[in-house]
Amino acid sequence: MRAYERLLKYAKVYTTSDPESGTHPSAAREFDLAHLLVEEMQNAVQLSVLLKADVGCGKSWLDAK
């Protein structure tokens, strides 16, 4: 897939936050793009070692673990 095709694929993902929510992320749908990117990163290159990509959220790097 070409870079512009990937960009269009990502732009189609509904990631609008919920302004009424007091949590971060404010809606579970905000993780849809993150999970799509994690999957793409894990499959980007054939490696002979395990590549693990993860996604987290928090007010700081420590909280995002």
PDB file of N, CA and C in Angstrom:
ATOM      1  N   MET A   1       0.854  -1.171   0.000  1.00  0.00           N
ATOM      2  CA  MET A   1       0.000   0.000   0.000  1.00  0.00           C
ATOM      3  C   MET A   1       0.902   1.238   0.000  1.00  0.00           C
ATOM      4  N   ARG A   2       0.562   2.197  -0.807  1.00  0.00           N
ATOM      5  CA  ARG A   2       1.348   3.426  -0.910  1.00  0.00           C
ATOM      6  C   ARG A   2       1.057   4.350   0.266  1.00  0.00           C
ATOM      7  N   ALA A   3       1.962   5.297   0.498  1.00  0.00           N
ATOM      8  CA  ALA A   3       1.844   6.192   1.655  1.00  0.00           C
ATOM      9  C   ALA A   3       0.537   6.993   1.622  1.00  0.00           C
ATOM     10  N   TYR A   4       0.156   7.518   0.470  1.00  0.00           N
ATOM     11  CA  TYR A   4      -1.066   8.312   0.404  1.00  0.00           C
ATOM     12  C   TYR A   4      -2.302   7.442   0.641  1.00  0.00           C
ATOM     13  N   GLU A   5      -2.230   6.173   0.256  1.00  0.00           N
ATOM     14  CA  GLU A   5      -3.342   5.257   0.518  1.00  0.00           C
ATOM     15  C   GLU A   5      -3.481   4.988   2.015  1.00  0.00           C
ATOM     16  N   ARG A   6      -2.347   4.865   2.687  1.00  0.00           N
ATOM     17  CA  ARG A   6      -2.375   4.689   4.144  1.00  0.00           C
ATOM     18  C   ARG A   6      -2.960   5.927   4.818  1.00  0.00           C
ATOM     19  N   LEU A   7      -2.523   7.109   4.378  1.00  0.00           N
ATOM     20  CA  LEU A   7      -3.024   8.355   4.951  1.00  0.00           C
ATOM     21  C   LEU A   7      -4.540   8.439   4.798  1.00  0.00           C
ATOM     22  N   LEU A   8      -5.053   8.111   3.619  1.00  0.00           N
ATOM     23  CA  LEU A   8      -6.497   8.130   3.400  1.00  0.00           C
ATOM     24  C   LEU A   8      -7.209   7.117   4.289  1.00  0.00           C
ATOM     25  N   LYS A   9      -6.595   5.965   4.479  1.00  0.00           N
ATOM     26  CA  LYS A   9      -7.163   4.929   5.355  1.00  0.00           C
ATOM     27  C   LYS A   9      -7.253   5.442   6.792  1.00  0.00           C
ATOM     28  N   TYR A  10      -6.192   6.105   7.259  1.00  0.00           N
ATOM     29  CA  TYR A  10      -6.179   6.632   8.624  1.00  0.00           C
ATOM     30  C   TYR A  10      -7.179   7.781   8.783  1.00  0.00           C
ATOM     31  N   ALA A  11      -7.294   8.619   7.759  1.00  0.00           N
ATOM     32  CA  ALA A  11      -8.206   9.768   7.830  1.00  0.00           C
ATOM     33  C   ALA A  11      -9.665   9.336   7.926  1.00  0.00           C
ATOM     34  N   LYS A  12      -9.985   8.137   7.467  1.00  0.00           N
ATOM     35  CA  LYS A  12     -11.361   7.632   7.514  1.00  0.00           C
ATOM     36  C   LYS A  12     -11.766   7.124   8.897  1.00  0.00           C
ATOM     37  N   VAL A  13     -10.799   6.935   9.789  1.00  0.00           N
ATOM     38  CA  VAL A  13     -11.095   6.398  11.114  1.00  0.00           C
ATOM     39  C   VAL A  13     -11.751   7.489  11.960  1.00  0.00           C
ATOM     40  N   TYR A  14     -12.907   7.174  12.530  1.00  0.00           N
ATOM     41  CA  TYR A  14     -13.666   8.116  13.352  1.00  0.00           C
ATOM     42  C   TYR A  14     -13.013   8.229  14.721  1.00  0.00           C
ATOM     43  N   THR A  15     -12.370   9.362  14.990  1.00  0.00           N
ATOM     44  CA  THR A  15     -11.636   9.533  16.243  1.00  0.00           C
ATOM     45  C   THR A  15     -12.093  10.745  17.046  1.00  0.00           C
ATOM     46  N   THR A  16     -13.234  11.297  16.727  1.00  0.00           N
ATOM     47  CA  THR A  16     -13.713  12.478  17.428  1.00  0.00           C
ATOM     48  C   THR A  16     -13.925  12.184  18.908  1.00  0.00           C
ATOM     49  N   SER A  17     -13.444  13.083  19.753  1.00  0.00           N
ATOM     50  CA  SER A  17     -13.580  12.900  21.195  1.00  0.00           C
ATOM     51  C   SER A  17     -14.999  13.217  21.654  1.00  0.00           C
ATOM     52  N   ASP A  18     -15.312  12.829  22.877  1.00  0.00           N
ATOM     53  CA  ASP A  18     -16.612  13.087  23.484  1.00  0.00           C
ATOM     54  C   ASP A  18     -16.466  14.291  24.410  1.00  0.00           C
ATOM     55  N   PRO A  19     -16.994  15.463  24.025  1.00  0.00           N
ATOM     56  CA  PRO A  19     -16.808  16.664  24.830  1.00  0.00           C
ATOM     57  C   PRO A  19     -17.499  16.601  26.195  1.00  0.00           C
ATOM     58  N   GLU A  20     -18.430  15.694  26.354  1.00  0.00           N
ATOM     59  CA  GLU A  20     -19.159  15.559  27.616  1.00  0.00           C
ATOM     60  C   GLU A  20     -18.443  14.662  28.617  1.00  0.00           C
ATOM     61  N   SER A  21     -17.426  13.969  28.170  1.00  0.00           N
ATOM     62  CA  SER A  21     -16.716  13.024  29.032  1.00  0.00           C
ATOM     63  C   SER A  21     -15.610  13.724  29.814  1.00  0.00           C
ATOM     64  N   GLY A  22     -15.388  13.263  31.023  1.00  0.00           N
ATOM     65  CA  GLY A  22     -14.301  13.810  31.823  1.00  0.00           C
ATOM     66  C   GLY A  22     -13.081  12.911  31.845  1.00  0.00           C
ATOM     67  N   THR A  23     -13.072  11.869  31.025  1.00  0.00           N
ATOM     68  CA  THR A  23     -11.954  10.933  30.990  1.00  0.00           C
ATOM     69  C   THR A  23     -11.074  11.188  29.774  1.00  0.00           C
ATOM     70  N   HIS A  24      -9.872  10.632  29.827  1.00  0.00           N
ATOM     71  CA  HIS A  24      -8.930  10.751  28.708  1.00  0.00           C
ATOM     72  C   HIS A  24      -8.385   9.387  28.393  1.00  0.00           C
ATOM     73  N   PRO A  25      -8.522   8.834  27.233  1.00  0.00           N
ATOM     74  CA  PRO A  25      -9.298   9.399  26.140  1.00  0.00           C
ATOM     75  C   PRO A  25     -10.778   9.446  26.505  1.00  0.00           C
ATOM     76  N   SER A  26     -11.488  10.324  25.852  1.00  0.00           N
ATOM     77  CA  SER A  26     -12.882  10.536  26.215  1.00  0.00           C
ATOM     78  C   SER A  26     -13.829   9.537  25.565  1.00  0.00           C
ATOM     79  N   ALA A  27     -13.352   8.808  24.579  1.00  0.00           N
ATOM     80  CA  ALA A  27     -14.197   7.811  23.908  1.00  0.00           C
ATOM     81  C   ALA A  27     -13.324   6.635  23.478  1.00  0.00           C
ATOM     82  N   ALA A  28     -13.872   5.448  23.608  1.00  0.00           N
ATOM     83  CA  ALA A  28     -13.121   4.237  23.231  1.00  0.00           C
ATOM     84  C   ALA A  28     -12.730   4.269  21.761  1.00  0.00           C
ATOM     85  N   ARG A  29     -13.530   4.927  20.924  1.00  0.00           N
ATOM     86  CA  ARG A  29     -13.241   4.979  19.482  1.00  0.00           C
ATOM     87  C   ARG A  29     -11.921   5.686  19.191  1.00  0.00           C
ATOM     88  N   GLU A  30     -11.421   6.469  20.137  1.00  0.00           N
ATOM     89  CA  GLU A  30     -10.149   7.155  19.936  1.00  0.00           C
ATOM     90  C   GLU A  30      -8.988   6.170  19.856  1.00  0.00           C
ATOM     91  N   PHE A  31      -9.171   4.974  20.376  1.00  0.00           N
ATOM     92  CA  PHE A  31      -8.133   3.943  20.296  1.00  0.00           C
ATOM     93  C   PHE A  31      -8.155   3.199  18.958  1.00  0.00           C
ATOM     94  N   ASP A  32      -9.208   3.365  18.158  1.00  0.00           N
ATOM     95  CA  ASP A  32      -9.304   2.652  16.882  1.00  0.00           C
ATOM     96  C   ASP A  32      -8.106   2.960  15.988  1.00  0.00           C
ATOM     97  N   LEU A  33      -7.759   4.225  15.856  1.00  0.00           N
ATOM     98  CA  LEU A  33      -6.614   4.609  15.036  1.00  0.00           C
ATOM     99  C   LEU A  33      -5.317   4.089  15.645  1.00  0.00           C
ATOM    100  N   ALA A  34      -5.195   4.181  16.957  1.00  0.00           N
ATOM    101  CA  ALA A  34      -3.985   3.697  17.627  1.00  0.00           C
ATOM    102  C   ALA A  34      -3.777   2.211  17.371  1.00  0.00           C
ATOM    103  N   HIS A  35      -4.834   1.429  17.476  1.00  0.00           N
ATOM    104  CA  HIS A  35      -4.715  -0.010  17.241  1.00  0.00           C
ATOM    105  C   HIS A  35      -4.379  -0.319  15.780  1.00  0.00           C
ATOM    106  N   LEU A  36      -4.945   0.460  14.876  1.00  0.00           N
ATOM    107  CA  LEU A  36      -4.630   0.293  13.453  1.00  0.00           C
ATOM    108  C   LEU A  36      -3.148   0.569  13.197  1.00  0.00           C
ATOM    109  N   LEU A  37      -2.620   1.617  13.807  1.00  0.00           N
ATOM    110  CA  LEU A  37      -1.210   1.959  13.633  1.00  0.00           C
ATOM    111  C   LEU A  37      -0.290   0.925  14.282  1.00  0.00           C
ATOM    112  N   VAL A  38      -0.681   0.423  15.443  1.00  0.00           N
ATOM    113  CA  VAL A  38       0.122  -0.617  16.097  1.00  0.00           C
ATOM    114  C   VAL A  38       0.214  -1.842  15.201  1.00  0.00           C
ATOM    115  N   GLU A  39      -0.910  -2.267  14.641  1.00  0.00           N
ATOM    116  CA  GLU A  39      -0.907  -3.437  13.753  1.00  0.00           C
ATOM    117  C   GLU A  39      -0.012  -3.194  12.540  1.00  0.00           C
ATOM    118  N   GLU A  40      -0.118  -1.996  11.969  1.00  0.00           N
ATOM    119  CA  GLU A  40       0.703  -1.679  10.796  1.00  0.00           C
ATOM    120  C   GLU A  40       2.197  -1.676  11.153  1.00  0.00           C
ATOM    121  N   MET A  41       2.533  -1.124  12.299  1.00  0.00           N
ATOM    122  CA  MET A  41       3.936  -1.089  12.719  1.00  0.00           C
ATOM    123  C   MET A  41       4.469  -2.497  12.961  1.00  0.00           C
ATOM    124  N   GLN A  42       3.663  -3.361  13.556  1.00  0.00           N
ATOM    125  CA  GLN A  42       4.110  -4.715  13.836  1.00  0.00           C
ATOM    126  C   GLN A  42       4.325  -5.516  12.554  1.00  0.00           C
ATOM    127  N   ASN A  43       3.622  -5.156  11.491  1.00  0.00           N
ATOM    128  CA  ASN A  43       3.733  -5.886  10.232  1.00  0.00           C
ATOM    129  C   ASN A  43       4.535  -5.141   9.172  1.00  0.00           C
ATOM    130  N   ALA A  44       5.197  -4.058   9.560  1.00  0.00           N
ATOM    131  CA  ALA A  44       5.903  -3.217   8.590  1.00  0.00           C
ATOM    132  C   ALA A  44       7.104  -3.919   7.967  1.00  0.00           C
ATOM    133  N   VAL A  45       7.841  -4.677   8.751  1.00  0.00           N
ATOM    134  CA  VAL A  45       9.069  -5.307   8.277  1.00  0.00           C
ATOM    135  C   VAL A  45       9.131  -6.729   8.817  1.00  0.00           C
ATOM    136  N   GLN A  46       9.566  -7.638   7.973  1.00  0.00           N
ATOM    137  CA  GLN A  46       9.762  -9.016   8.422  1.00  0.00           C
ATOM    138  C   GLN A  46      11.038  -9.077   9.245  1.00  0.00           C
ATOM    139  N   LEU A  47      10.914  -9.449  10.499  1.00  0.00           N
ATOM    140  CA  LEU A  47      12.068  -9.548  11.378  1.00  0.00           C
ATOM    141  C   LEU A  47      12.197 -10.970  11.902  1.00  0.00           C
ATOM    142  N   SER A  48      13.389 -11.308  12.292  1.00  0.00           N
ATOM    143  CA  SER A  48      13.588 -12.623  12.877  1.00  0.00           C
ATOM    144  C   SER A  48      13.464 -12.576  14.400  1.00  0.00           C
ATOM    145  N   VAL A  49      13.156 -11.389  14.927  1.00  0.00           N
ATOM    146  CA  VAL A  49      12.913 -11.235  16.364  1.00  0.00           C
ATOM    147  C   VAL A  49      11.509 -10.672  16.553  1.00  0.00           C
ATOM    148  N   LEU A  50      10.944 -10.892  17.710  1.00  0.00           N
ATOM    149  CA  LEU A  50       9.613 -10.404  18.005  1.00  0.00           C
ATOM    150  C   LEU A  50       9.629  -8.889  18.182  1.00  0.00           C
ATOM    151  N   LEU A  51       8.753  -8.207  17.482  1.00  0.00           N
ATOM    152  CA  LEU A  51       8.584  -6.773  17.638  1.00  0.00           C
ATOM    153  C   LEU A  51       7.227  -6.555  18.276  1.00  0.00           C
ATOM    154  N   LYS A  52       7.223  -5.965  19.449  1.00  0.00           N
ATOM    155  CA  LYS A  52       5.978  -5.726  20.150  1.00  0.00           C
ATOM    156  C   LYS A  52       5.759  -4.237  20.247  1.00  0.00           C
ATOM    157  N   ALA A  53       4.669  -3.767  19.698  1.00  0.00           N
ATOM    158  CA  ALA A  53       4.278  -2.366  19.819  1.00  0.00           C
ATOM    159  C   ALA A  53       3.035  -2.323  20.688  1.00  0.00           C
ATOM    160  N   ASP A  54       2.947  -1.310  21.530  1.00  0.00           N
ATOM    161  CA  ASP A  54       1.818  -1.203  22.448  1.00  0.00           C
ATOM    162  C   ASP A  54       1.348   0.244  22.456  1.00  0.00           C
ATOM    163  N   VAL A  55       0.149   0.443  22.953  1.00  0.00           N
ATOM    164  CA  VAL A  55      -0.408   1.783  23.026  1.00  0.00           C
ATOM    165  C   VAL A  55      -0.946   1.999  24.435  1.00  0.00           C
ATOM    166  N   GLY A  56      -0.761   3.195  24.950  1.00  0.00           N
ATOM    167  CA  GLY A  56      -1.253   3.513  26.278  1.00  0.00           C
ATOM    168  C   GLY A  56      -1.705   4.957  26.340  1.00  0.00           C
ATOM    169  N   CYS A  57      -2.326   5.331  27.445  1.00  0.00           N
ATOM    170  CA  CYS A  57      -2.859   6.672  27.587  1.00  0.00           C
ATOM    171  C   CYS A  57      -2.684   7.127  29.029  1.00  0.00           C
ATOM    172  N   GLY A  58      -2.368   8.371  29.236  1.00  0.00           N
ATOM    173  CA  GLY A  58      -2.248   8.905  30.576  1.00  0.00           C
ATOM    174  C   GLY A  58      -1.783  10.342  30.543  1.00  0.00           C
ATOM    175  N   LYS A  59      -1.819  10.969  31.686  1.00  0.00           N
ATOM    176  CA  LYS A  59      -1.402  12.371  31.775  1.00  0.00           C
ATOM    177  C   LYS A  59       0.108  12.510  31.684  1.00  0.00           C
ATOM    178  N   SER A  60       0.837  11.433  31.932  1.00  0.00           N
ATOM    179  CA  SER A  60       2.293  11.441  31.830  1.00  0.00           C
ATOM    180  C   SER A  60       2.740  10.127  31.189  1.00  0.00           C
ATOM    181  N   TRP A  61       4.011  10.030  30.827  1.00  0.00           N
ATOM    182  CA  TRP A  61       4.533   8.793  30.243  1.00  0.00           C
ATOM    183  C   TRP A  61       4.386   7.641  31.226  1.00  0.00           C
ATOM    184  N   LEU A  62       4.577   7.914  32.503  1.00  0.00           N
ATOM    185  CA  LEU A  62       4.466   6.879  33.514  1.00  0.00           C
ATOM    186  C   LEU A  62       3.028   6.361  33.615  1.00  0.00           C
ATOM    187  N   ASP A  63       2.064   7.266  33.566  1.00  0.00           N
ATOM    188  CA  ASP A  63       0.650   6.866  33.622  1.00  0.00           C
ATOM    189  C   ASP A  63       0.215   6.113  32.372  1.00  0.00           C
ATOM    190  N   ALA A  64       0.879   6.335  31.270  1.00  0.00           N
ATOM    191  CA  ALA A  64       0.472   5.732  29.998  1.00  0.00           C
ATOM    192  C   ALA A  64       0.892   4.277  29.872  1.00  0.00           C
ATOM    193  N   LYS A  65       1.664   3.760  30.815  1.00  0.00           N
ATOM    194  CA  LYS A  65       2.115   2.368  30.736  1.00  0.00           C
ATOM    195  C   LYS A  65       0.962   1.405  30.774  1.00  0.00           C
TER     196      LYS A  65
END
